[in-house]
Every structure is written in C-alpha cells, then in structure tokens.
C-alpha cells in the first residue's frame, strides 16, 4: 500500500486563519442523517487530526492508542447519523461543570482537559449526547490518575476527561476534518453571525428544512 493511500486522513483544502476565525463564529457541524452510510470516515478523520498534537501516528500500523474520535456515528435500526457538539450559545454543559473546565472561545465551546475531573456532569447535561468521558493519552501512553487504583490488584487507573467536537480548533486552519472526509457529503459546517435574528439563523443553519 502506498504511503499516500496508507494515511488515515490528510486535509485536501485549507482556508486562511482569518477565514477560519469568521467561519467558527457561532458555527457547528450539521449532518443529513438520511444520507449517512455509517462508514465512520468522519470518526477516523477526527481522530487523526486531534492525534497530531499528541505525537500519535495517523497511518495504518502506527496508531498505538485506542481510536477515540470527537464525533460519533450512531445507529438506530437501519439508519446512521453522525453526532457532535452543537456549540450551544447557552451551553448546558458549561453550566453543569463544577470546576469551570468548559469555556467558549470565538463561538466554539471548548473543554480544558487539564482542569476536567471526569465527573460526567457535562455528559448528563448535554441534550444531544455529544460528549464522552474517555481516558487521557499523552505521547501514545495513557495518563494514570494519581492516588486512584483498582481495588483488586492496586493497579493505577487511567485519568479520564470529557471529550467532544471542537471544530478542529487544534489544527488552527481548515474545514473540520469530518466535513472534508465524508464521502457522501453528509456533513457540512453551518455558519452564522452571532447577532443574527432567530429567523435568519434558521435560514442559514437549516436551509433544507
């Protein structure tokens, strides 16, 4: 298998930093569930992009940690739909967080992994089921929780933190990786101004409804 074909994901187009700044303002990724084929290309692209900062390989044979994306393809009967954060303006996850680990930056709701204590309050508060609590990995190795061990063998337990879509904020440029990777154009970045009236937001975000 060639090197290019071996890669899980490589972005094909980029926007400038200034374009991206305006693109993420009050934006989120929407999915046309009726067209999703459940291939999970979005999940793999999401994992590859967010693993770059952690020094984890993103090609076949080099991934040393579990593939944990920030977008999740959910199956209901014979139908599939990708689920990710809607970046709510009055985010209930932020209201529920007891340690102020969730904040909003330029319209994107972000989670501070270092401050998160893995209590799952945000998971319970999210109306879309877009947040998961997952083990934390650094440089390909799981981070253990200081002072917390498994009762049976006293083995250290992994440290966990909340994880969800951040519109690929770590990449600092480009479309969200899931949007670019979808082979069926199911996903798209809905853009809108923060001060738009409600009827205008519906027109921008859901033009086909």
N, C-alpha and C. Protein backbone atom coordinates (compact mmCIF):
# COMPACT_ATOMS: atom_id res chain seq x y z
N UNK A 1 0.85 -1.19 0.00
CA UNK A 1 0.00 0.00 0.00
C UNK A 1 0.88 1.24 0.00
N UNK A 2 0.58 2.19 -0.86
CA UNK A 2 1.41 3.38 -0.95
C UNK A 2 1.29 4.23 0.30
N UNK A 3 2.29 5.12 0.49
CA UNK A 3 2.25 5.98 1.67
C UNK A 3 1.03 6.87 1.70
N UNK A 4 0.70 7.47 0.52
CA UNK A 4 -0.45 8.37 0.48
C UNK A 4 -1.74 7.63 0.79
N UNK A 5 -1.88 6.42 0.24
CA UNK A 5 -3.11 5.66 0.47
C UNK A 5 -3.15 5.14 1.90
N UNK A 6 -1.94 5.00 2.50
CA UNK A 6 -1.85 4.45 3.84
C UNK A 6 -2.36 5.41 4.90
N UNK A 7 -2.38 6.72 4.59
CA UNK A 7 -2.77 7.70 5.59
C UNK A 7 -4.26 7.61 5.89
N UNK A 8 -4.60 7.70 7.18
CA UNK A 8 -5.99 7.69 7.57
C UNK A 8 -6.70 8.94 7.08
N UNK A 9 -6.00 10.09 7.15
CA UNK A 9 -6.65 11.32 6.75
C UNK A 9 -5.59 12.37 6.46
N UNK A 10 -5.75 13.08 5.35
CA UNK A 10 -4.91 14.24 5.06
C UNK A 10 -5.79 15.29 4.43
N UNK A 11 -5.92 16.49 5.07
CA UNK A 11 -6.80 17.51 4.51
C UNK A 11 -6.38 17.89 3.10
N UNK A 12 -7.39 18.17 2.23
CA UNK A 12 -7.11 18.48 0.84
C UNK A 12 -7.25 19.95 0.53
N UNK A 13 -7.93 20.72 1.35
CA UNK A 13 -8.08 22.14 1.10
C UNK A 13 -7.99 22.89 2.42
N UNK A 14 -7.54 24.12 2.33
CA UNK A 14 -7.35 24.91 3.53
C UNK A 14 -7.90 26.31 3.35
N UNK A 15 -8.41 26.88 4.42
CA UNK A 15 -8.75 28.29 4.43
C UNK A 15 -7.68 29.01 5.22
N UNK A 16 -7.55 30.31 5.01
CA UNK A 16 -6.62 31.09 5.80
C UNK A 16 -7.10 31.22 7.23
N UNK A 17 -6.18 31.67 8.12
CA UNK A 17 -6.53 31.80 9.53
C UNK A 17 -7.65 32.80 9.73
N UNK A 18 -7.61 33.92 8.96
CA UNK A 18 -8.66 34.93 9.12
C UNK A 18 -10.01 34.37 8.70
N UNK A 19 -10.05 33.59 7.59
CA UNK A 19 -11.30 32.98 7.14
C UNK A 19 -11.83 32.03 8.18
N UNK A 20 -10.93 31.26 8.78
CA UNK A 20 -11.37 30.28 9.76
C UNK A 20 -11.96 30.96 10.99
N UNK A 21 -11.35 32.09 11.40
CA UNK A 21 -11.85 32.79 12.57
C UNK A 21 -13.30 33.20 12.37
N UNK A 22 -13.64 33.70 11.17
CA UNK A 22 -15.02 34.09 10.94
C UNK A 22 -15.90 32.87 10.75
N UNK A 23 -15.31 31.75 10.24
CA UNK A 23 -16.11 30.57 9.98
C UNK A 23 -16.59 29.91 11.27
N UNK A 24 -15.79 29.95 12.33
CA UNK A 24 -16.17 29.24 13.53
C UNK A 24 -17.08 30.06 14.43
N UNK A 25 -17.28 31.37 14.14
CA UNK A 25 -18.13 32.19 14.98
C UNK A 25 -19.55 31.69 14.90
N UNK A 26 -20.10 31.20 16.02
CA UNK A 26 -21.46 30.70 16.12
C UNK A 26 -21.73 29.64 15.05
N UNK A 27 -20.80 28.74 14.85
CA UNK A 27 -20.94 27.70 13.84
C UNK A 27 -20.93 26.32 14.48
N UNK A 28 -21.42 25.35 13.74
CA UNK A 28 -21.35 23.96 14.18
C UNK A 28 -21.56 23.06 12.97
N UNK A 29 -21.22 21.80 13.14
CA UNK A 29 -21.35 20.84 12.04
C UNK A 29 -22.72 20.19 12.11
N UNK A 30 -23.44 20.22 10.99
CA UNK A 30 -24.74 19.56 10.92
C UNK A 30 -24.64 18.36 9.99
N UNK A 31 -25.52 17.39 10.22
CA UNK A 31 -25.47 16.14 9.45
C UNK A 31 -26.83 15.84 8.85
N UNK A 32 -26.80 15.39 7.61
CA UNK A 32 -28.01 14.90 6.95
C UNK A 32 -28.07 13.39 7.17
N UNK A 33 -28.73 13.02 8.25
CA UNK A 33 -28.73 11.62 8.65
C UNK A 33 -29.29 10.67 7.61
N UNK A 34 -30.19 11.17 6.76
CA UNK A 34 -30.79 10.31 5.74
C UNK A 34 -29.81 9.85 4.69
N UNK A 35 -28.65 10.53 4.58
CA UNK A 35 -27.66 10.19 3.56
C UNK A 35 -26.45 9.47 4.14
N UNK A 36 -26.35 9.35 5.47
CA UNK A 36 -25.18 8.73 6.11
C UNK A 36 -25.19 7.22 5.85
N UNK A 37 -24.03 6.69 5.42
CA UNK A 37 -23.91 5.26 5.14
C UNK A 37 -23.19 4.52 6.27
N UNK A 38 -22.84 5.24 7.35
CA UNK A 38 -22.23 4.58 8.50
C UNK A 38 -20.81 4.12 8.29
N UNK A 39 -20.06 4.72 7.37
CA UNK A 39 -18.70 4.27 7.06
C UNK A 39 -17.69 4.67 8.12
N UNK A 40 -18.01 5.68 8.94
CA UNK A 40 -17.17 6.17 10.02
C UNK A 40 -15.88 6.83 9.54
N UNK A 41 -15.87 7.27 8.29
CA UNK A 41 -14.72 8.04 7.81
C UNK A 41 -14.56 9.31 8.62
N UNK A 42 -15.67 9.89 9.05
CA UNK A 42 -15.61 11.12 9.87
C UNK A 42 -14.92 10.85 11.20
N UNK A 43 -15.19 9.70 11.81
CA UNK A 43 -14.56 9.36 13.08
C UNK A 43 -13.05 9.21 12.92
N UNK A 44 -12.61 8.52 11.87
CA UNK A 44 -11.18 8.32 11.65
C UNK A 44 -10.48 9.64 11.36
N UNK A 45 -11.10 10.50 10.54
CA UNK A 45 -10.50 11.80 10.23
C UNK A 45 -10.39 12.65 11.49
N UNK A 46 -11.43 12.61 12.31
CA UNK A 46 -11.43 13.37 13.57
C UNK A 46 -10.29 12.89 14.48
N UNK A 47 -10.15 11.60 14.62
CA UNK A 47 -9.09 11.04 15.47
C UNK A 47 -7.71 11.42 14.94
N UNK A 48 -7.52 11.32 13.63
CA UNK A 48 -6.20 11.61 13.04
C UNK A 48 -5.80 13.06 13.29
N UNK A 49 -6.73 13.98 13.09
CA UNK A 49 -6.41 15.41 13.28
C UNK A 49 -6.09 15.70 14.74
N UNK A 50 -6.88 15.18 15.64
CA UNK A 50 -6.67 15.50 17.05
C UNK A 50 -5.52 14.72 17.67
N UNK A 51 -4.98 13.75 16.95
CA UNK A 51 -3.84 13.00 17.47
C UNK A 51 -2.51 13.63 17.08
N UNK A 52 -2.52 14.54 16.12
CA UNK A 52 -1.28 15.13 15.65
C UNK A 52 -0.54 15.87 16.76
N UNK A 53 -1.27 16.61 17.58
CA UNK A 53 -0.62 17.38 18.65
C UNK A 53 -0.02 16.46 19.71
N UNK A 54 -0.56 15.26 19.86
CA UNK A 54 -0.07 14.34 20.87
C UNK A 54 1.03 13.43 20.39
N UNK A 55 1.50 13.64 19.16
CA UNK A 55 2.59 12.83 18.66
C UNK A 55 2.20 11.40 18.33
N UNK A 56 0.91 11.14 18.14
CA UNK A 56 0.43 9.80 17.82
C UNK A 56 0.41 9.64 16.30
N UNK A 57 0.88 8.51 15.83
CA UNK A 57 0.87 8.27 14.39
C UNK A 57 -0.54 8.27 13.84
N UNK A 58 -0.68 8.65 12.57
CA UNK A 58 -2.01 8.71 11.94
C UNK A 58 -2.07 7.87 10.69
N UNK A 59 -1.25 6.86 10.58
CA UNK A 59 -1.31 5.97 9.43
C UNK A 59 -1.41 4.53 9.93
N UNK A 60 -1.85 3.66 9.05
CA UNK A 60 -2.05 2.26 9.42
C UNK A 60 -0.75 1.66 9.94
N UNK A 61 -0.81 0.99 11.09
CA UNK A 61 0.37 0.36 11.66
C UNK A 61 1.13 1.23 12.64
N UNK A 62 0.76 2.51 12.77
CA UNK A 62 1.49 3.39 13.68
C UNK A 62 0.65 3.86 14.86
N UNK A 63 -0.64 3.56 14.85
CA UNK A 63 -1.52 4.02 15.92
C UNK A 63 -1.37 3.10 17.13
N UNK A 64 -0.94 3.66 18.24
CA UNK A 64 -0.65 2.86 19.44
C UNK A 64 -1.67 3.06 20.55
N UNK A 65 -2.71 3.83 20.28
CA UNK A 65 -3.73 4.08 21.30
C UNK A 65 -5.10 3.76 20.71
N UNK A 66 -6.12 3.57 21.54
CA UNK A 66 -7.47 3.35 21.01
C UNK A 66 -7.93 4.54 20.17
N UNK A 67 -8.66 4.24 19.10
CA UNK A 67 -9.19 5.30 18.24
C UNK A 67 -10.42 5.89 18.92
N UNK A 68 -10.25 7.07 19.47
CA UNK A 68 -11.34 7.75 20.19
C UNK A 68 -11.58 9.10 19.51
N UNK A 69 -12.61 9.20 18.67
CA UNK A 69 -12.90 10.46 17.97
C UNK A 69 -13.74 11.39 18.85
N UNK A 70 -13.98 12.58 18.30
CA UNK A 70 -14.83 13.56 18.98
C UNK A 70 -16.18 13.69 18.28
N UNK A 71 -16.39 12.89 17.22
CA UNK A 71 -17.68 12.77 16.56
C UNK A 71 -18.03 11.28 16.58
N UNK A 72 -19.31 10.98 16.79
CA UNK A 72 -19.71 9.59 16.95
C UNK A 72 -20.84 9.26 15.98
N UNK A 73 -20.66 8.18 15.23
CA UNK A 73 -21.71 7.72 14.32
C UNK A 73 -22.61 6.78 15.11
N UNK A 74 -23.88 7.15 15.20
CA UNK A 74 -24.85 6.40 15.97
C UNK A 74 -25.80 5.66 15.02
N UNK A 75 -26.10 4.41 15.34
CA UNK A 75 -27.01 3.62 14.52
C UNK A 75 -28.35 3.45 15.25
N UNK A 76 -29.42 3.66 14.51
CA UNK A 76 -30.77 3.45 15.03
C UNK A 76 -31.53 2.62 14.00
N UNK A 77 -31.62 1.33 14.24
CA UNK A 77 -32.24 0.46 13.26
C UNK A 77 -31.34 0.35 12.04
N UNK A 78 -31.86 0.70 10.88
CA UNK A 78 -31.07 0.68 9.65
C UNK A 78 -30.50 2.05 9.29
N UNK A 79 -30.70 3.02 10.15
CA UNK A 79 -30.24 4.38 9.86
C UNK A 79 -29.01 4.73 10.69
N UNK A 80 -28.16 5.59 10.12
CA UNK A 80 -26.97 6.08 10.81
C UNK A 80 -27.01 7.60 10.82
N UNK A 81 -26.40 8.18 11.85
CA UNK A 81 -26.28 9.63 11.89
C UNK A 81 -25.06 10.00 12.72
N UNK A 82 -24.21 10.89 12.20
CA UNK A 82 -23.08 11.40 12.99
C UNK A 82 -23.59 12.39 14.03
N UNK A 83 -23.07 12.29 15.24
CA UNK A 83 -23.49 13.17 16.34
C UNK A 83 -22.27 13.91 16.86
N UNK A 84 -22.36 15.25 16.92
CA UNK A 84 -21.29 16.02 17.52
C UNK A 84 -21.85 17.28 18.18
N UNK A 85 -20.96 18.00 18.86
CA UNK A 85 -21.35 19.16 19.66
C UNK A 85 -22.02 20.22 18.79
N UNK A 86 -23.09 20.86 19.32
CA UNK A 86 -23.77 21.94 18.61
C UNK A 86 -23.27 23.31 19.05
N UNK A 87 -22.34 23.36 19.96
CA UNK A 87 -21.74 24.61 20.43
C UNK A 87 -22.83 25.61 20.84
N UNK A 88 -23.67 25.18 21.75
CA UNK A 88 -24.82 25.95 22.21
C UNK A 88 -24.38 27.32 22.74
N UNK A 89 -25.15 28.35 22.46
CA UNK A 89 -24.83 29.69 22.96
C UNK A 89 -24.97 29.74 24.48
N UNK A 90 -25.96 29.07 25.01
CA UNK A 90 -26.11 28.96 26.48
C UNK A 90 -25.85 27.50 26.85
N UNK A 91 -24.62 27.10 26.69
CA UNK A 91 -24.25 25.69 26.79
C UNK A 91 -24.58 25.09 28.15
N UNK A 92 -25.49 24.10 28.20
CA UNK A 92 -25.83 23.47 29.49
C UNK A 92 -24.66 22.71 30.08
N UNK A 93 -23.74 22.23 29.24
CA UNK A 93 -22.57 21.52 29.76
C UNK A 93 -21.71 22.45 30.59
N UNK A 94 -21.57 23.71 30.15
CA UNK A 94 -20.77 24.67 30.90
C UNK A 94 -21.43 25.02 32.23
N UNK A 95 -22.76 25.13 32.21
CA UNK A 95 -23.48 25.42 33.45
C UNK A 95 -23.33 24.27 34.44
N UNK A 96 -23.23 23.04 33.92
CA UNK A 96 -23.17 21.86 34.81
C UNK A 96 -21.78 21.59 35.35
N UNK A 97 -20.75 22.09 34.69
CA UNK A 97 -19.37 21.78 35.09
C UNK A 97 -19.05 22.42 36.44
N UNK A 98 -18.64 21.62 37.43
CA UNK A 98 -18.37 22.17 38.76
C UNK A 98 -17.00 22.80 38.91
N UNK A 99 -16.13 22.63 37.90
CA UNK A 99 -14.76 23.16 38.03
C UNK A 99 -14.43 24.16 36.92
N UNK A 100 -15.44 24.64 36.21
CA UNK A 100 -15.25 25.64 35.15
C UNK A 100 -14.21 25.19 34.12
N UNK A 101 -14.33 23.93 33.70
CA UNK A 101 -13.42 23.40 32.70
C UNK A 101 -13.93 23.64 31.28
N UNK A 102 -15.15 24.18 31.14
CA UNK A 102 -15.75 24.40 29.82
C UNK A 102 -15.90 25.90 29.59
N UNK A 103 -15.44 26.36 28.45
CA UNK A 103 -15.47 27.78 28.14
C UNK A 103 -15.82 27.96 26.66
N UNK A 104 -16.14 29.19 26.28
CA UNK A 104 -16.44 29.48 24.88
C UNK A 104 -15.38 30.42 24.32
N UNK A 105 -14.82 30.05 23.18
CA UNK A 105 -13.82 30.89 22.51
C UNK A 105 -14.24 31.10 21.07
N UNK A 106 -14.56 32.33 20.70
CA UNK A 106 -14.95 32.67 19.32
C UNK A 106 -16.09 31.79 18.83
N UNK A 107 -17.07 31.56 19.69
CA UNK A 107 -18.24 30.79 19.29
C UNK A 107 -18.08 29.29 19.40
N UNK A 108 -16.90 28.82 19.84
CA UNK A 108 -16.65 27.39 19.98
C UNK A 108 -16.61 27.02 21.46
N UNK A 109 -17.42 26.07 21.87
CA UNK A 109 -17.41 25.60 23.26
C UNK A 109 -16.25 24.61 23.41
N UNK A 110 -15.32 24.94 24.30
CA UNK A 110 -14.10 24.16 24.45
C UNK A 110 -14.05 23.53 25.84
N UNK A 111 -13.36 22.39 25.95
CA UNK A 111 -13.15 21.73 27.23
C UNK A 111 -11.68 21.77 27.58
N UNK A 112 -11.35 22.26 28.77
CA UNK A 112 -9.97 22.27 29.26
C UNK A 112 -9.69 20.90 29.88
N UNK A 113 -9.00 20.07 29.13
CA UNK A 113 -8.76 18.69 29.56
C UNK A 113 -7.98 18.63 30.86
N UNK A 114 -7.07 19.58 31.06
CA UNK A 114 -6.26 19.57 32.28
C UNK A 114 -7.10 19.87 33.51
N UNK A 115 -8.09 20.74 33.36
CA UNK A 115 -8.92 21.11 34.50
C UNK A 115 -10.06 20.10 34.74
N UNK A 116 -10.49 19.39 33.70
CA UNK A 116 -11.61 18.44 33.81
C UNK A 116 -11.31 17.35 34.82
N UNK A 117 -12.31 16.99 35.63
CA UNK A 117 -12.13 15.94 36.64
C UNK A 117 -12.89 14.68 36.26
N UNK A 118 -13.48 14.64 35.07
CA UNK A 118 -14.15 13.43 34.60
C UNK A 118 -15.39 13.06 35.37
N UNK A 119 -16.12 14.04 35.89
CA UNK A 119 -17.27 13.75 36.76
C UNK A 119 -18.52 13.38 35.98
N UNK A 120 -18.54 13.61 34.65
CA UNK A 120 -19.65 13.31 33.72
C UNK A 120 -20.86 14.23 33.88
N UNK A 121 -20.73 15.31 34.66
CA UNK A 121 -21.85 16.25 34.77
C UNK A 121 -22.23 16.83 33.40
N UNK A 122 -21.23 17.12 32.58
CA UNK A 122 -21.49 17.68 31.25
C UNK A 122 -22.16 16.65 30.34
N UNK A 123 -21.79 15.38 30.51
CA UNK A 123 -22.40 14.31 29.71
C UNK A 123 -23.90 14.25 29.99
N UNK A 124 -24.26 14.34 31.26
CA UNK A 124 -25.67 14.28 31.64
C UNK A 124 -26.42 15.53 31.19
N UNK A 125 -25.74 16.67 31.14
CA UNK A 125 -26.41 17.92 30.80
C UNK A 125 -26.59 18.10 29.30
N UNK A 126 -25.75 17.50 28.48
CA UNK A 126 -25.80 17.71 27.03
C UNK A 126 -27.09 17.12 26.45
N UNK A 127 -27.91 17.93 25.78
CA UNK A 127 -29.17 17.40 25.23
C UNK A 127 -28.98 16.59 23.95
N UNK A 128 -27.77 16.59 23.39
CA UNK A 128 -27.52 15.91 22.11
C UNK A 128 -26.67 14.65 22.26
N UNK A 129 -26.21 14.33 23.45
CA UNK A 129 -25.36 13.15 23.64
C UNK A 129 -24.04 13.28 22.91
N UNK A 130 -23.50 14.50 22.85
CA UNK A 130 -22.30 14.76 22.04
C UNK A 130 -21.01 14.67 22.86
N UNK A 131 -21.10 14.42 24.15
CA UNK A 131 -19.90 14.41 24.99
C UNK A 131 -19.65 13.01 25.54
N UNK A 132 -18.39 12.60 25.51
CA UNK A 132 -17.99 11.32 26.11
C UNK A 132 -16.88 11.60 27.11
N UNK A 133 -16.79 10.78 28.13
CA UNK A 133 -15.65 10.83 29.05
C UNK A 133 -14.73 9.67 28.70
N UNK A 134 -13.50 9.99 28.32
CA UNK A 134 -12.58 8.99 27.80
C UNK A 134 -11.24 9.08 28.51
N UNK A 135 -10.42 8.00 28.48
CA UNK A 135 -9.08 8.05 29.07
C UNK A 135 -8.22 9.09 28.37
N UNK A 136 -7.30 9.68 29.10
CA UNK A 136 -6.39 10.70 28.56
C UNK A 136 -5.08 10.03 28.16
N UNK A 137 -4.61 10.34 26.95
CA UNK A 137 -3.34 9.80 26.45
C UNK A 137 -2.36 10.93 26.18
N UNK A 138 -1.08 10.69 26.49
CA UNK A 138 -0.02 11.63 26.17
C UNK A 138 1.11 10.86 25.49
N UNK A 139 1.54 11.33 24.32
CA UNK A 139 2.65 10.71 23.58
C UNK A 139 2.45 9.21 23.42
N UNK A 140 1.22 8.80 23.19
CA UNK A 140 0.94 7.41 22.93
C UNK A 140 0.75 6.55 24.16
N UNK A 141 0.75 7.14 25.35
CA UNK A 141 0.61 6.36 26.57
C UNK A 141 -0.54 6.94 27.41
N UNK A 142 -1.24 6.06 28.09
CA UNK A 142 -2.35 6.50 28.92
C UNK A 142 -1.82 7.21 30.16
N UNK A 143 -2.50 8.28 30.55
CA UNK A 143 -2.14 9.03 31.76
C UNK A 143 -2.89 8.41 32.92
N UNK A 144 -2.18 8.10 33.99
CA UNK A 144 -2.82 7.46 35.14
C UNK A 144 -3.28 8.52 36.15
N UNK A 145 -4.30 8.13 36.89
CA UNK A 145 -4.88 9.02 37.90
C UNK A 145 -4.12 8.87 39.22
N UNK A 146 -3.51 9.94 39.65
CA UNK A 146 -2.73 9.89 40.89
C UNK A 146 -3.64 9.55 42.08
N UNK A 147 -3.25 8.53 42.83
CA UNK A 147 -3.97 8.17 44.04
C UNK A 147 -5.18 7.29 43.84
N UNK A 148 -5.52 6.96 42.58
CA UNK A 148 -6.70 6.13 42.32
C UNK A 148 -6.26 4.80 41.72
N UNK A 149 -6.53 3.71 42.40
CA UNK A 149 -6.10 2.38 41.96
C UNK A 149 -7.28 1.42 41.93
N UNK A 150 -7.09 0.33 41.14
CA UNK A 150 -8.09 -0.72 41.09
C UNK A 150 -8.00 -1.53 42.37
N UNK A 151 -9.14 -1.81 42.99
CA UNK A 151 -9.13 -2.46 44.30
C UNK A 151 -8.49 -3.84 44.25
N UNK A 152 -8.73 -4.60 43.20
CA UNK A 152 -8.28 -5.99 43.17
C UNK A 152 -6.77 -6.13 43.14
N UNK A 153 -6.11 -5.38 42.27
CA UNK A 153 -4.66 -5.55 42.12
C UNK A 153 -3.86 -4.27 42.38
N UNK A 154 -4.50 -3.23 42.82
CA UNK A 154 -3.84 -1.97 43.14
C UNK A 154 -3.21 -1.30 41.92
N UNK A 155 -3.62 -1.73 40.71
CA UNK A 155 -3.09 -1.11 39.51
C UNK A 155 -3.66 0.29 39.35
N UNK A 156 -2.82 1.20 38.86
CA UNK A 156 -3.27 2.58 38.67
C UNK A 156 -4.34 2.65 37.59
N UNK A 157 -5.36 3.44 37.81
CA UNK A 157 -6.44 3.61 36.85
C UNK A 157 -6.15 4.79 35.94
N UNK A 158 -6.66 4.74 34.70
CA UNK A 158 -6.41 5.86 33.79
C UNK A 158 -7.13 7.12 34.23
N UNK A 159 -6.50 8.26 33.96
CA UNK A 159 -7.15 9.54 34.18
C UNK A 159 -8.14 9.76 33.03
N UNK A 160 -9.31 10.26 33.32
CA UNK A 160 -10.33 10.47 32.30
C UNK A 160 -10.69 11.95 32.22
N UNK A 161 -11.19 12.35 31.05
CA UNK A 161 -11.63 13.73 30.85
C UNK A 161 -12.71 13.76 29.79
N UNK A 162 -13.54 14.78 29.83
CA UNK A 162 -14.61 14.94 28.84
C UNK A 162 -14.01 15.25 27.48
N UNK A 163 -14.65 14.72 26.43
CA UNK A 163 -14.16 14.90 25.06
C UNK A 163 -15.34 15.17 24.14
N UNK A 164 -15.19 16.14 23.26
CA UNK A 164 -16.25 16.45 22.30
C UNK A 164 -15.69 17.26 21.15
N UNK A 165 -16.50 17.48 20.12
CA UNK A 165 -16.10 18.25 18.95
C UNK A 165 -15.68 19.67 19.33
N UNK A 166 -14.54 20.11 18.79
CA UNK A 166 -14.08 21.49 18.98
C UNK A 166 -13.90 22.19 17.64
N UNK A 167 -14.56 21.70 16.61
CA UNK A 167 -14.45 22.25 15.25
C UNK A 167 -13.00 22.27 14.78
N UNK A 168 -12.23 21.28 15.23
CA UNK A 168 -10.81 21.15 14.83
C UNK A 168 -10.01 22.39 15.21
N UNK A 169 -10.29 22.94 16.38
CA UNK A 169 -9.59 24.13 16.83
C UNK A 169 -8.10 23.90 16.96
N UNK A 170 -7.68 22.67 17.25
CA UNK A 170 -6.26 22.38 17.44
C UNK A 170 -5.48 22.51 16.14
N UNK A 171 -6.16 22.38 15.00
CA UNK A 171 -5.44 22.44 13.73
C UNK A 171 -5.20 23.87 13.28
N UNK A 172 -5.92 24.83 13.86
CA UNK A 172 -5.73 26.26 13.59
C UNK A 172 -6.04 26.67 12.16
N UNK A 173 -6.52 25.77 11.32
CA UNK A 173 -6.90 26.17 9.97
C UNK A 173 -7.78 25.08 9.36
N UNK A 174 -8.42 25.41 8.26
CA UNK A 174 -9.14 24.39 7.51
C UNK A 174 -10.56 24.15 7.98
N UNK A 175 -11.28 23.40 7.14
CA UNK A 175 -12.61 22.92 7.48
C UNK A 175 -12.48 21.86 8.56
N UNK A 176 -13.51 21.60 9.36
CA UNK A 176 -13.45 20.44 10.25
C UNK A 176 -13.15 19.18 9.46
N UNK A 177 -12.28 18.35 10.01
CA UNK A 177 -11.80 17.17 9.29
C UNK A 177 -12.94 16.24 8.89
N UNK A 178 -13.97 16.14 9.73
CA UNK A 178 -15.08 15.23 9.41
C UNK A 178 -15.81 15.68 8.16
N UNK A 179 -15.95 17.00 7.97
CA UNK A 179 -16.64 17.54 6.80
C UNK A 179 -15.87 17.19 5.53
N UNK A 180 -14.54 17.36 5.59
CA UNK A 180 -13.73 17.08 4.41
C UNK A 180 -13.67 15.60 4.08
N UNK A 181 -13.74 14.75 5.11
CA UNK A 181 -13.54 13.31 4.89
C UNK A 181 -14.81 12.59 4.46
N UNK A 182 -15.99 13.14 4.72
CA UNK A 182 -17.23 12.43 4.42
C UNK A 182 -17.37 12.16 2.92
N UNK A 183 -17.47 10.90 2.50
CA UNK A 183 -17.54 10.59 1.06
C UNK A 183 -18.91 10.85 0.46
N UNK A 184 -19.91 11.10 1.32
CA UNK A 184 -21.27 11.27 0.83
C UNK A 184 -21.82 12.66 1.06
N UNK A 185 -20.94 13.59 1.44
CA UNK A 185 -21.32 14.99 1.72
C UNK A 185 -22.49 15.08 2.71
N UNK A 186 -22.42 14.22 3.73
CA UNK A 186 -23.46 14.23 4.75
C UNK A 186 -23.27 15.39 5.72
N UNK A 187 -22.00 15.73 5.97
CA UNK A 187 -21.68 16.74 6.97
C UNK A 187 -21.35 18.07 6.29
N UNK A 188 -21.70 19.15 6.95
CA UNK A 188 -21.30 20.47 6.46
C UNK A 188 -21.22 21.41 7.65
N UNK A 189 -20.39 22.44 7.48
CA UNK A 189 -20.21 23.45 8.53
C UNK A 189 -21.26 24.52 8.36
N UNK A 190 -22.19 24.61 9.31
CA UNK A 190 -23.21 25.65 9.27
C UNK A 190 -22.64 26.91 9.89
N UNK A 191 -22.72 28.00 9.16
CA UNK A 191 -22.13 29.25 9.62
C UNK A 191 -23.22 30.28 9.86
N UNK A 192 -23.03 31.11 10.85
CA UNK A 192 -23.99 32.16 11.11
C UNK A 192 -23.42 33.21 12.01
N UNK A 193 -23.93 34.43 11.88
CA UNK A 193 -23.46 35.52 12.73
C UNK A 193 -24.11 35.43 14.10
N UNK A 194 -23.37 35.81 15.13
CA UNK A 194 -23.88 35.72 16.49
C UNK A 194 -25.10 36.61 16.68
N UNK A 195 -25.11 37.78 16.00
CA UNK A 195 -26.20 38.73 16.22
C UNK A 195 -27.32 38.58 15.20
N UNK A 196 -27.38 37.49 14.47
CA UNK A 196 -28.46 37.30 13.51
C UNK A 196 -29.78 37.05 14.24
N UNK A 197 -30.92 37.55 13.70
CA UNK A 197 -32.22 37.25 14.32
C UNK A 197 -32.52 35.76 14.17
N UNK A 198 -33.38 35.20 15.04
CA UNK A 198 -33.67 33.76 15.01
C UNK A 198 -34.12 33.25 13.65
N UNK A 199 -34.98 34.01 12.94
CA UNK A 199 -35.47 33.52 11.65
C UNK A 199 -34.33 33.45 10.64
N UNK A 200 -33.35 34.36 10.75
CA UNK A 200 -32.20 34.34 9.84
C UNK A 200 -31.30 33.15 10.17
N UNK A 201 -31.12 32.84 11.45
CA UNK A 201 -30.29 31.70 11.83
C UNK A 201 -30.88 30.40 11.27
N UNK A 202 -32.20 30.26 11.32
CA UNK A 202 -32.81 29.04 10.79
C UNK A 202 -32.57 28.93 9.29
N UNK A 203 -32.62 30.08 8.61
CA UNK A 203 -32.39 30.08 7.18
C UNK A 203 -30.96 29.67 6.85
N UNK A 204 -30.00 30.13 7.68
CA UNK A 204 -28.59 29.84 7.44
C UNK A 204 -28.25 28.41 7.83
N UNK A 205 -28.69 27.99 9.02
CA UNK A 205 -28.30 26.69 9.54
C UNK A 205 -29.08 25.54 8.92
N UNK A 206 -30.37 25.74 8.66
CA UNK A 206 -31.20 24.62 8.19
C UNK A 206 -31.95 25.03 6.92
N UNK A 207 -31.25 25.34 5.84
CA UNK A 207 -31.94 25.82 4.63
C UNK A 207 -32.83 24.79 3.98
N UNK A 208 -32.62 23.49 4.27
CA UNK A 208 -33.41 22.45 3.60
C UNK A 208 -34.60 22.00 4.42
N UNK A 209 -34.78 22.60 5.61
CA UNK A 209 -35.89 22.17 6.46
C UNK A 209 -37.12 23.04 6.23
